[in-house]
């Protein structure tokens, strides 16, 4: 397959001024993820304002954590393809790039169908496992079963966007996300405010919006020039390509799943504190989600940047890009932290009108925010290592440091000092230990690839 000059130049991160290239690649990712966060937040706002606090807890509590567990694992698997594709793009290995792209799309069709069926069947059991409040159980089951109908479109969109970003195109995924966001908000209003469909209306709005975004991104890939072009006739599971993808993707998927499992355990502990605290915890996650999408955007950007530079053999440029990205992410975290602390209550009023929920959520947010800078270390270092194909050991560090410590904290510390503040402490404690361990690993075990310049 021949790569056109235009295709090679447009997404080439191996040349040019590093900070300009990083920002040019980062901002479309960020804006896209903010729009994605916006339509997730729009669900919470519309449910909270027009249906009620119990419905907000049903959509954003245990249901949200279970969704993150299932979808996060398979999105992590797909991220392995993004790493391979970015390395192939940097090395100009178009044949392998094409095989990997077709393999991961085919894999998503098969895996997505299996996930939809299994998730719909196991939803009641999963909600009981996390001790979902009885008063929200019916709505949570309904919401999850409808949501998982859209698993295949969701996975196709994430994979398709990952393919485009791996070759340096972060603008078109942004346009597709904007279309998805606007359609989701419009459908939310129609289904919930006009048709009074309640929780089911929010779920169907999300499914239809995800279907639109999947159609747009796959249409783009099927009409693309060069090795990223997807042809229906070439869709098949290439086992060498799948093994390479899974070699990185399984680690990312397990890491994402472990995050979600630890969050499920934390959610179960929060559920024991009552519906009001569940709603406050949910409202907090909707507002401070702007930080998480920003840090995640930096992680995606540096992973693609490192992957292309590593594939091209430009190790010194890769090392410089890591330093530049870290400083930019740290500065951004500081600015956002001040904004979230200063405007906590006005922001929370967008999600709920319940004064008690706002007060509790503001207290939770002001506790978390000062520790966000620690998370930046984890985000940048782990994605840098993933970009060079080193995924297993960092996954083990994160799994033990973030996930296992949280689980032990909930199991042994929270019973001694029950309450939302003790539960919240599990995050900064686990982040700090993980950031330190990853930094040590980066400078010690990473010497081989960092000295290849």
Protein backbone atom coordinates (compact mmCIF):
# COMPACT_ATOMS: atom_id res chain seq x y z
CA UNK A 1 0.00 0.00 0.00
CA UNK A 2 1.39 3.38 -1.02
CA UNK A 3 1.39 6.32 1.35
CA UNK A 4 0.79 9.67 -0.28
CA UNK A 5 3.05 12.63 0.57
CA UNK A 6 0.07 14.44 2.05
CA UNK A 7 -0.74 11.52 4.34
CA UNK A 8 2.82 11.26 5.61
CA UNK A 9 3.23 14.97 6.23
CA UNK A 10 -0.06 15.75 7.89
CA UNK A 11 0.32 13.51 10.91
CA UNK A 12 4.10 13.29 11.17
CA UNK A 13 5.10 14.03 14.76
CA UNK A 14 8.76 13.15 14.17
CA UNK A 15 9.58 16.55 12.69
CA UNK A 16 9.03 20.17 13.70
CA UNK A 17 9.07 22.19 16.93
CA UNK A 18 8.12 19.81 19.74
CA UNK A 19 5.88 22.10 21.82
CA UNK A 20 4.01 23.34 18.75
CA UNK A 21 3.48 19.80 17.48
CA UNK A 22 2.36 18.63 20.91
CA UNK A 23 -0.11 21.46 21.37
CA UNK A 24 -1.40 21.14 17.81
CA UNK A 25 -2.05 17.46 18.44
CA UNK A 26 -3.21 17.85 22.06
CA UNK A 27 -5.89 20.53 21.73
CA UNK A 28 -8.16 18.67 19.29
CA UNK A 29 -7.93 15.62 21.59
CA UNK A 30 -8.73 17.78 24.61
CA UNK A 31 -11.65 19.57 22.98
CA UNK A 32 -13.00 16.26 21.75
CA UNK A 33 -12.80 14.70 25.20
CA UNK A 34 -14.35 17.80 26.76
CA UNK A 35 -17.27 17.47 24.38
CA UNK A 36 -17.49 13.81 25.36
CA UNK A 37 -17.47 14.85 29.00
CA UNK A 38 -20.05 17.51 28.18
CA UNK A 39 -22.56 15.02 26.87
CA UNK A 40 -21.93 12.74 29.86
CA UNK A 41 -22.46 15.74 32.14
CA UNK A 42 -25.53 16.75 30.14
CA UNK A 43 -27.04 13.37 31.00
CA UNK A 44 -26.46 14.06 34.70
CA UNK A 45 -27.77 17.64 34.49
CA UNK A 46 -30.96 16.69 32.67
CA UNK A 47 -31.62 13.69 34.92
CA UNK A 48 -30.82 15.67 38.07
CA UNK A 49 -32.97 18.64 37.09
CA UNK A 50 -35.94 16.93 35.40
CA UNK A 51 -36.14 13.45 36.94
CA UNK A 52 -34.69 13.67 40.45
CA UNK A 53 -31.87 12.81 42.86
CA UNK A 54 -32.58 9.06 42.87
CA UNK A 55 -32.42 8.95 39.07
CA UNK A 56 -29.11 10.87 39.17
CA UNK A 57 -27.71 8.29 41.59
CA UNK A 58 -29.01 5.47 39.34
CA UNK A 59 -27.30 6.85 36.21
CA UNK A 60 -24.07 8.11 37.74
CA UNK A 61 -23.36 5.82 40.68
CA UNK A 62 -22.81 2.09 40.39
CA UNK A 63 -24.00 2.04 36.77
CA UNK A 64 -21.27 4.47 35.73
CA UNK A 65 -18.57 2.45 37.47
CA UNK A 66 -19.71 -0.81 35.85
CA UNK A 67 -19.71 0.85 32.43
CA UNK A 68 -16.17 2.08 33.00
CA UNK A 69 -15.09 -1.45 33.96
CA UNK A 70 -16.45 -3.20 30.88
CA UNK A 71 -15.79 -0.56 28.25
CA UNK A 72 -12.45 0.48 29.78
CA UNK A 73 -11.04 -3.02 29.45
CA UNK A 74 -11.82 -3.31 25.74
CA UNK A 75 -10.78 0.27 25.05
CA UNK A 76 -7.49 -0.59 26.73
CA UNK A 77 -7.15 -3.57 24.41
CA UNK A 78 -7.74 -1.27 21.43
CA UNK A 79 -5.05 1.12 22.67
CA UNK A 80 -2.51 -1.59 21.91
CA UNK A 81 -3.36 -1.15 18.24
CA UNK A 82 -2.82 2.61 18.53
CA UNK A 83 0.70 2.04 19.86
CA UNK A 84 1.56 -0.46 17.08
CA UNK A 85 0.05 1.82 14.42
CA UNK A 86 1.94 4.90 15.64
CA UNK A 87 5.21 2.95 15.65
CA UNK A 88 4.50 1.60 12.15
CA UNK A 89 3.67 5.10 10.94
CA UNK A 90 6.95 6.45 12.30
CA UNK A 91 8.88 3.55 10.74
CA UNK A 92 6.94 3.89 7.42
CA UNK A 93 5.82 0.23 7.66
CA UNK A 94 2.52 0.69 5.84
CA UNK A 95 1.79 -2.98 5.27
CA UNK A 96 1.87 -3.84 8.98
CA UNK A 97 -0.08 -0.68 9.80
CA UNK A 98 -2.92 -1.72 7.47
CA UNK A 99 -3.05 -5.28 8.84
CA UNK A 100 -3.23 -3.99 12.40
CA UNK A 101 -6.00 -1.48 11.60
CA UNK A 102 -8.19 -4.09 9.91
CA UNK A 103 -7.56 -6.62 12.67
CA UNK A 104 -8.58 -4.32 15.52
CA UNK A 105 -11.77 -3.20 13.74
CA UNK A 106 -12.75 -6.84 13.17
CA UNK A 107 -11.90 -7.66 16.78
CA UNK A 108 -14.20 -4.87 18.00
CA UNK A 109 -17.14 -6.21 16.02
CA UNK A 110 -16.77 -9.66 17.54
CA UNK A 111 -15.90 -8.58 21.08
CA UNK A 112 -18.52 -5.82 21.12
CA UNK A 113 -21.31 -8.27 20.31
CA UNK A 114 -20.19 -10.62 23.08
CA UNK A 115 -19.94 -7.77 25.60
CA UNK A 116 -23.43 -6.52 24.76
CA UNK A 117 -24.99 -9.92 25.31
CA UNK A 118 -23.06 -10.73 28.49
CA UNK A 119 -23.53 -7.28 30.04
CA UNK A 120 -27.28 -7.30 29.51
CA UNK A 121 -27.59 -10.71 31.18
CA UNK A 122 -25.27 -9.99 34.11
CA UNK A 123 -26.40 -6.44 34.93
CA UNK A 124 -28.64 -7.30 37.95
CA UNK A 125 -25.95 -9.55 39.45
CA UNK A 126 -23.24 -6.88 38.97
CA UNK A 127 -25.36 -4.20 40.64
CA UNK A 128 -26.10 -6.45 43.60
CA UNK A 129 -22.38 -7.22 43.86
CA UNK A 130 -21.56 -3.53 44.38
CA UNK A 131 -24.46 -3.11 46.80
CA UNK A 132 -26.37 -0.68 44.63
CA UNK A 133 -29.06 1.07 46.75
CA UNK A 134 -32.41 -0.74 46.55
CA UNK A 135 -34.30 2.46 45.74
CA UNK A 136 -32.28 2.98 42.53
CA UNK A 137 -31.93 -0.68 41.48
CA UNK A 138 -34.72 -0.76 38.88
CA UNK A 139 -33.54 2.41 37.13
CA UNK A 140 -29.90 1.29 37.22
CA UNK A 141 -30.75 -2.06 35.59
CA UNK A 142 -32.82 -0.35 32.90
CA UNK A 143 -30.12 2.22 32.17
CA UNK A 144 -27.30 -0.35 31.91
CA UNK A 145 -29.21 -2.77 29.70
CA UNK A 146 -30.06 -0.04 27.20
CA UNK A 147 -26.57 1.47 27.36
CA UNK A 148 -24.87 -1.83 26.52
CA UNK A 149 -26.95 -2.16 23.37
CA UNK A 150 -24.56 0.45 21.98
CA UNK A 151 -21.32 -1.36 22.86
CA UNK A 152 -20.27 -2.04 19.25
CA UNK A 153 -20.73 1.59 18.09
CA UNK A 154 -18.89 2.84 21.18
CA UNK A 155 -15.94 0.52 20.59
CA UNK A 156 -15.81 1.27 16.86
CA UNK A 157 -15.71 4.99 17.53
CA UNK A 158 -12.95 4.69 20.14
CA UNK A 159 -10.90 2.38 17.93
CA UNK A 160 -11.43 4.46 14.81
CA UNK A 161 -10.46 7.63 16.63
CA UNK A 162 -7.41 5.85 18.05
CA UNK A 163 -6.29 4.84 14.55
CA UNK A 164 -6.59 8.40 13.29
CA UNK A 165 -4.73 9.84 16.29
CA UNK A 166 -1.97 7.24 15.98
CA UNK A 167 -1.13 8.67 12.56
CA UNK A 168 -1.31 12.23 13.88
CA UNK A 169 -4.88 13.16 12.92
CA UNK A 170 -6.63 14.49 16.01
CA UNK A 171 -8.90 16.99 14.23
CA UNK A 172 -11.43 14.70 12.59
CA UNK A 173 -12.14 12.74 15.80
CA UNK A 174 -12.89 16.13 17.37
CA UNK A 175 -15.46 16.96 14.68
CA UNK A 176 -17.11 13.57 15.13
CA UNK A 177 -17.28 14.02 18.90
CA UNK A 178 -18.87 17.44 18.52
CA UNK A 179 -21.57 15.91 16.32
CA UNK A 180 -22.06 13.13 18.87
CA UNK A 181 -22.27 15.57 21.77
CA UNK A 182 -24.77 17.91 20.14
CA UNK A 183 -26.98 15.05 19.00
CA UNK A 184 -26.88 13.48 22.48
CA UNK A 185 -27.94 16.72 24.17
CA UNK A 186 -30.73 17.27 21.65
CA UNK A 187 -31.98 13.70 22.11
CA UNK A 188 -31.75 14.06 25.91
CA UNK A 189 -34.07 17.05 25.74
CA UNK A 190 -36.52 15.28 23.42
CA UNK A 191 -36.58 11.94 25.26
CA UNK A 192 -36.46 13.21 28.85
CA UNK A 193 -37.93 16.72 28.90
CA UNK A 194 -40.50 16.36 26.11
CA UNK A 195 -41.38 12.66 26.02
CA UNK A 196 -40.82 12.07 29.77
CA UNK A 197 -38.95 8.79 29.21
CA UNK A 198 -36.82 9.26 32.35
CA UNK A 199 -33.67 7.15 32.74
CA UNK A 200 -34.51 5.13 29.62
CA UNK A 201 -34.56 8.32 27.56
CA UNK A 202 -31.04 9.27 28.68
CA UNK A 203 -29.76 5.80 27.83
CA UNK A 204 -31.32 5.72 24.35
CA UNK A 205 -30.04 9.22 23.61
CA UNK A 206 -26.51 8.04 24.42
CA UNK A 207 -26.80 4.90 22.30
CA UNK A 208 -28.07 6.79 19.25
CA UNK A 209 -25.40 9.48 19.61
CA UNK A 210 -22.70 6.81 19.81
CA UNK A 211 -24.09 5.15 16.70
CA UNK A 212 -23.80 8.44 14.82
CA UNK A 213 -20.18 8.93 15.90
CA UNK A 214 -19.28 5.35 14.91
CA UNK A 215 -20.80 5.81 11.45
CA UNK A 216 -18.86 9.06 10.96
CA UNK A 217 -15.47 7.70 11.99
CA UNK A 218 -15.80 4.45 10.02
CA UNK A 219 -16.99 6.36 6.96
CA UNK A 220 -13.89 8.53 7.30
CA UNK A 221 -11.57 5.51 7.51
CA UNK A 222 -13.24 3.77 4.59
CA UNK A 223 -12.68 6.85 2.42
CA UNK A 224 -9.15 7.63 3.66
CA UNK A 225 -6.04 7.56 1.52
CA UNK A 226 -3.02 5.49 2.43
CA UNK A 227 -2.54 2.63 4.90
CA UNK A 228 -5.28 3.69 7.35
CA UNK A 229 -7.99 3.05 4.76
CA UNK A 230 -10.42 0.38 5.99
CA UNK A 231 -11.91 -1.98 3.41
CA UNK A 232 -14.77 -4.31 4.34
CA UNK A 233 -13.27 -7.00 2.12
CA UNK A 234 -10.01 -6.92 4.09
CA UNK A 235 -11.59 -7.18 7.54
CA UNK A 236 -10.13 -10.27 9.15
CA UNK A 237 -8.25 -11.30 12.28
CA UNK A 238 -4.57 -11.38 11.34
CA UNK A 239 -3.14 -13.44 14.19
CA UNK A 240 0.42 -11.96 14.22
CA UNK A 241 -1.09 -8.46 14.23
CA UNK A 242 -3.59 -9.45 16.92
CA UNK A 243 -0.84 -10.96 19.10
CA UNK A 244 1.23 -7.78 18.84
CA UNK A 245 -1.80 -5.66 19.62
CA UNK A 246 -2.87 -7.79 22.56
CA UNK A 247 0.69 -7.88 23.89
CA UNK A 248 0.32 -4.18 24.68
CA UNK A 249 -3.45 -3.90 24.80
CA UNK A 250 -4.11 -6.61 27.38
CA UNK A 251 -1.84 -4.79 29.83
CA UNK A 252 -3.68 -1.53 29.23
CA UNK A 253 -7.02 -3.32 29.44
CA UNK A 254 -6.14 -5.06 32.71
CA UNK A 255 -4.89 -1.76 34.13
CA UNK A 256 -8.13 -0.03 33.16
CA UNK A 257 -10.19 -2.90 34.54
CA UNK A 258 -8.30 -2.81 37.83
CA UNK A 259 -8.95 0.92 38.10
CA UNK A 260 -12.63 0.20 37.64
CA UNK A 261 -12.66 -2.74 40.06
CA UNK A 262 -11.07 -0.61 42.76
CA UNK A 263 -13.58 2.15 41.98
CA UNK A 264 -16.43 -0.37 42.19
CA UNK A 265 -15.25 -1.35 45.66
CA UNK A 266 -15.05 2.31 46.61
CA UNK A 267 -18.49 2.91 45.08
CA UNK A 268 -19.85 0.04 47.18
CA UNK A 269 -18.44 1.72 50.31
CA UNK A 270 -20.02 5.04 49.26
CA UNK A 271 -23.34 3.28 48.56
CA UNK A 272 -23.47 2.22 52.22
CA UNK A 273 -23.54 5.92 53.20
CA UNK A 274 -26.92 6.60 51.58
CA UNK A 275 -28.46 8.07 48.42
CA UNK A 276 -27.52 11.69 49.22
CA UNK A 277 -23.81 10.89 49.45
CA UNK A 278 -24.04 8.72 46.33
CA UNK A 279 -25.52 11.70 44.48
CA UNK A 280 -22.80 14.00 45.89
CA UNK A 281 -20.07 11.57 44.81
CA UNK A 282 -21.67 11.40 41.35
CA UNK A 283 -21.94 15.19 41.05
CA UNK A 284 -18.27 15.55 42.00
CA UNK A 285 -17.20 13.09 39.32
CA UNK A 286 -19.19 14.98 36.68
CA UNK A 287 -17.57 18.33 37.49
CA UNK A 288 -13.97 17.32 38.15
CA UNK A 289 -14.18 15.13 35.06
CA UNK A 290 -12.77 18.13 33.18
CA UNK A 291 -9.42 17.48 34.85
CA UNK A 292 -9.45 13.79 34.04
CA UNK A 293 -10.15 14.34 30.36
CA UNK A 294 -7.38 16.96 30.22
CA UNK A 295 -4.80 14.67 31.81
CA UNK A 296 -5.98 11.80 29.62
CA UNK A 297 -5.58 14.00 26.54
CA UNK A 298 -1.97 14.69 27.51
CA UNK A 299 -1.49 10.95 27.99
CA UNK A 300 -2.90 10.11 24.55
CA UNK A 301 -0.80 12.86 22.96
CA UNK A 302 2.50 11.75 24.48
CA UNK A 303 1.79 8.08 23.74
CA UNK A 304 1.30 8.82 20.02
CA UNK A 305 4.25 11.24 19.97
CA UNK A 306 6.57 8.74 21.65
CA UNK A 307 5.31 5.88 19.46
CA UNK A 308 6.06 7.71 16.21
CA UNK A 309 9.46 8.96 17.38
CA UNK A 310 10.42 5.54 18.71
CA UNK A 311 9.35 3.87 15.47
CA UNK A 312 11.43 6.40 13.52
CA UNK A 313 14.45 5.85 15.81
CA UNK A 314 14.46 9.47 17.01
CA UNK A 315 15.08 8.73 20.68
CA UNK A 316 16.47 12.13 21.66
CA UNK A 317 13.42 13.88 20.24
CA UNK A 318 11.25 11.42 22.10
CA UNK A 319 12.98 12.20 25.42
CA UNK A 320 12.59 15.93 24.89
CA UNK A 321 8.91 15.54 24.06
CA UNK A 322 8.33 13.75 27.38
CA UNK A 323 9.90 16.62 29.34
CA UNK A 324 7.93 19.24 27.42
CA UNK A 325 4.65 17.36 27.81
CA UNK A 326 5.19 16.85 31.54
CA UNK A 327 5.77 20.56 32.17
CA UNK A 328 2.72 21.54 30.12
CA UNK A 329 0.51 18.99 31.90
CA UNK A 330 1.76 20.05 35.34
CA UNK A 331 1.10 23.73 34.64
CA UNK A 332 -2.35 22.95 33.31
CA UNK A 333 -3.17 20.87 36.42
CA UNK A 334 -2.19 23.77 38.68
CA UNK A 335 -4.43 26.25 36.85
CA UNK A 336 -7.38 23.86 36.74
CA UNK A 337 -7.02 22.99 40.42
CA UNK A 338 -7.35 26.64 41.42
CA UNK A 339 -10.39 27.03 39.19
CA UNK A 340 -12.15 23.96 40.56
CA UNK A 341 -11.52 24.99 44.16
CA UNK A 342 -12.65 28.58 43.60
CA UNK A 343 -15.82 27.76 41.64
CA UNK A 344 -16.84 24.42 43.18
CA UNK A 345 -20.35 25.38 44.29
CA UNK A 346 -21.43 27.31 41.17
CA UNK A 347 -20.23 24.41 38.99
CA UNK A 348 -22.06 21.84 41.10
CA UNK A 349 -25.31 23.80 40.76
CA UNK A 350 -25.23 22.86 37.07
CA UNK A 351 -25.66 19.22 38.04
CA UNK A 352 -28.13 19.38 40.92
CA UNK A 353 -30.35 21.83 42.77
CA UNK A 354 -30.20 19.84 46.02
CA UNK A 355 -28.41 22.09 48.55
CA UNK A 356 -27.25 19.22 50.76
CA UNK A 357 -25.80 17.36 47.79
CA UNK A 358 -23.96 20.52 46.65
CA UNK A 359 -22.44 21.08 50.10
CA UNK A 360 -21.19 17.50 50.40
CA UNK A 361 -19.90 17.43 46.82
CA UNK A 362 -17.99 20.71 47.31
CA UNK A 363 -16.27 19.28 50.38
CA UNK A 364 -15.26 16.15 48.47
CA UNK A 365 -13.96 18.17 45.53
CA UNK A 366 -11.87 20.53 47.66
CA UNK A 367 -10.23 17.51 49.26
CA UNK A 368 -9.26 15.84 45.97
CA UNK A 369 -8.13 18.76 43.85
CA UNK A 370 -4.78 19.61 45.54
CA UNK A 371 -3.50 16.11 44.73
CA UNK A 372 -4.11 16.23 40.98
CA UNK A 373 -0.49 17.15 40.24
CA UNK A 374 0.56 13.73 41.57
CA UNK A 375 -1.67 12.05 39.01
CA UNK A 376 0.08 13.89 36.18
CA UNK A 377 3.25 11.91 36.92
CA UNK A 378 1.37 8.62 36.57
CA UNK A 379 -0.36 9.71 33.36
CA UNK A 380 2.74 10.93 31.52
CA UNK A 381 5.17 8.23 32.65
CA UNK A 382 2.83 5.28 32.06
CA UNK A 383 1.86 6.50 28.57
CA UNK A 384 5.48 7.17 27.68
CA UNK A 385 6.40 3.60 28.57
CA UNK A 386 3.38 2.29 26.66
CA UNK A 387 4.42 4.31 23.62
CA UNK A 388 7.72 2.40 23.39
CA UNK A 389 5.93 -0.91 23.87
CA UNK A 390 6.83 -1.38 27.54
CA UNK A 391 3.42 -2.13 29.00
CA UNK A 392 3.50 -5.14 31.31
CA UNK A 393 5.72 -3.93 34.17
CA UNK A 394 4.18 -0.44 34.33
CA UNK A 395 0.77 -2.15 34.41
CA UNK A 396 1.88 -4.25 37.38
CA UNK A 397 3.18 -1.15 39.18
CA UNK A 398 -0.07 0.73 38.61
CA UNK A 399 -2.20 -2.28 39.50
CA UNK A 400 -0.44 -2.75 42.82
CA UNK A 401 0.11 0.94 43.58
CA UNK A 402 -3.28 2.33 42.63
CA UNK A 403 -5.69 -0.58 42.72
CA UNK A 404 -4.48 -3.00 45.39
CA UNK A 405 -3.73 -0.24 47.89
CA UNK A 406 -7.20 1.24 47.40
CA UNK A 407 -8.80 -2.16 47.94
CA UNK A 408 -6.77 -2.75 51.11
CA UNK A 409 -7.62 0.75 52.31
CA UNK A 410 -11.35 0.15 51.90
CA UNK A 411 -11.10 -3.29 53.50
CA UNK A 412 -9.03 -2.37 56.58
CA UNK A 413 -8.88 1.40 57.15
CA UNK A 414 -12.44 2.50 56.33
CA UNK A 415 -14.06 0.10 58.87
CA UNK A 416 -11.88 1.68 61.58
CA UNK A 417 -12.69 5.27 60.56
CA UNK A 418 -15.94 5.09 58.55
CA UNK A 419 -16.99 8.09 56.49
CA UNK A 420 -16.59 9.79 53.15
CA UNK A 421 -13.32 11.51 54.08
CA UNK A 422 -11.59 8.24 54.93
CA UNK A 423 -12.82 6.74 51.65
CA UNK A 424 -11.48 9.78 49.78
CA UNK A 425 -8.01 9.39 51.29
CA UNK A 426 -7.56 6.14 49.34
CA UNK A 427 -6.94 8.19 46.19
CA UNK A 428 -4.03 10.50 47.16
CA UNK A 429 -2.34 7.72 49.17
CA UNK A 430 -2.42 5.30 46.23
CA UNK A 431 -1.46 7.99 43.68
CA UNK A 432 1.61 9.04 45.66
CA UNK A 433 2.95 5.52 46.04
CA UNK A 434 2.34 4.71 42.37
CA UNK A 435 3.91 7.93 41.07
CA UNK A 436 7.07 7.27 43.08
CA UNK A 437 7.33 3.64 41.91
CA UNK A 438 6.75 4.54 38.24
CA UNK A 439 9.34 7.32 38.37
CA UNK A 440 11.96 4.95 39.80
CA UNK A 441 11.13 2.36 37.12
CA UNK A 442 11.30 4.96 34.35
CA UNK A 443 14.81 6.08 35.25
CA UNK A 444 16.20 2.64 36.10
CA UNK A 445 14.62 0.08 33.83
CA UNK A 446 14.10 2.56 31.00
CA UNK A 447 17.80 3.21 30.49
CA UNK A 448 18.02 0.89 27.49
CA UNK A 449 15.61 2.70 25.20
CA UNK A 450 16.48 6.14 26.65
CA UNK A 451 20.15 5.61 25.77
CA UNK A 452 19.57 4.54 22.16
CA UNK A 453 20.01 8.04 20.76
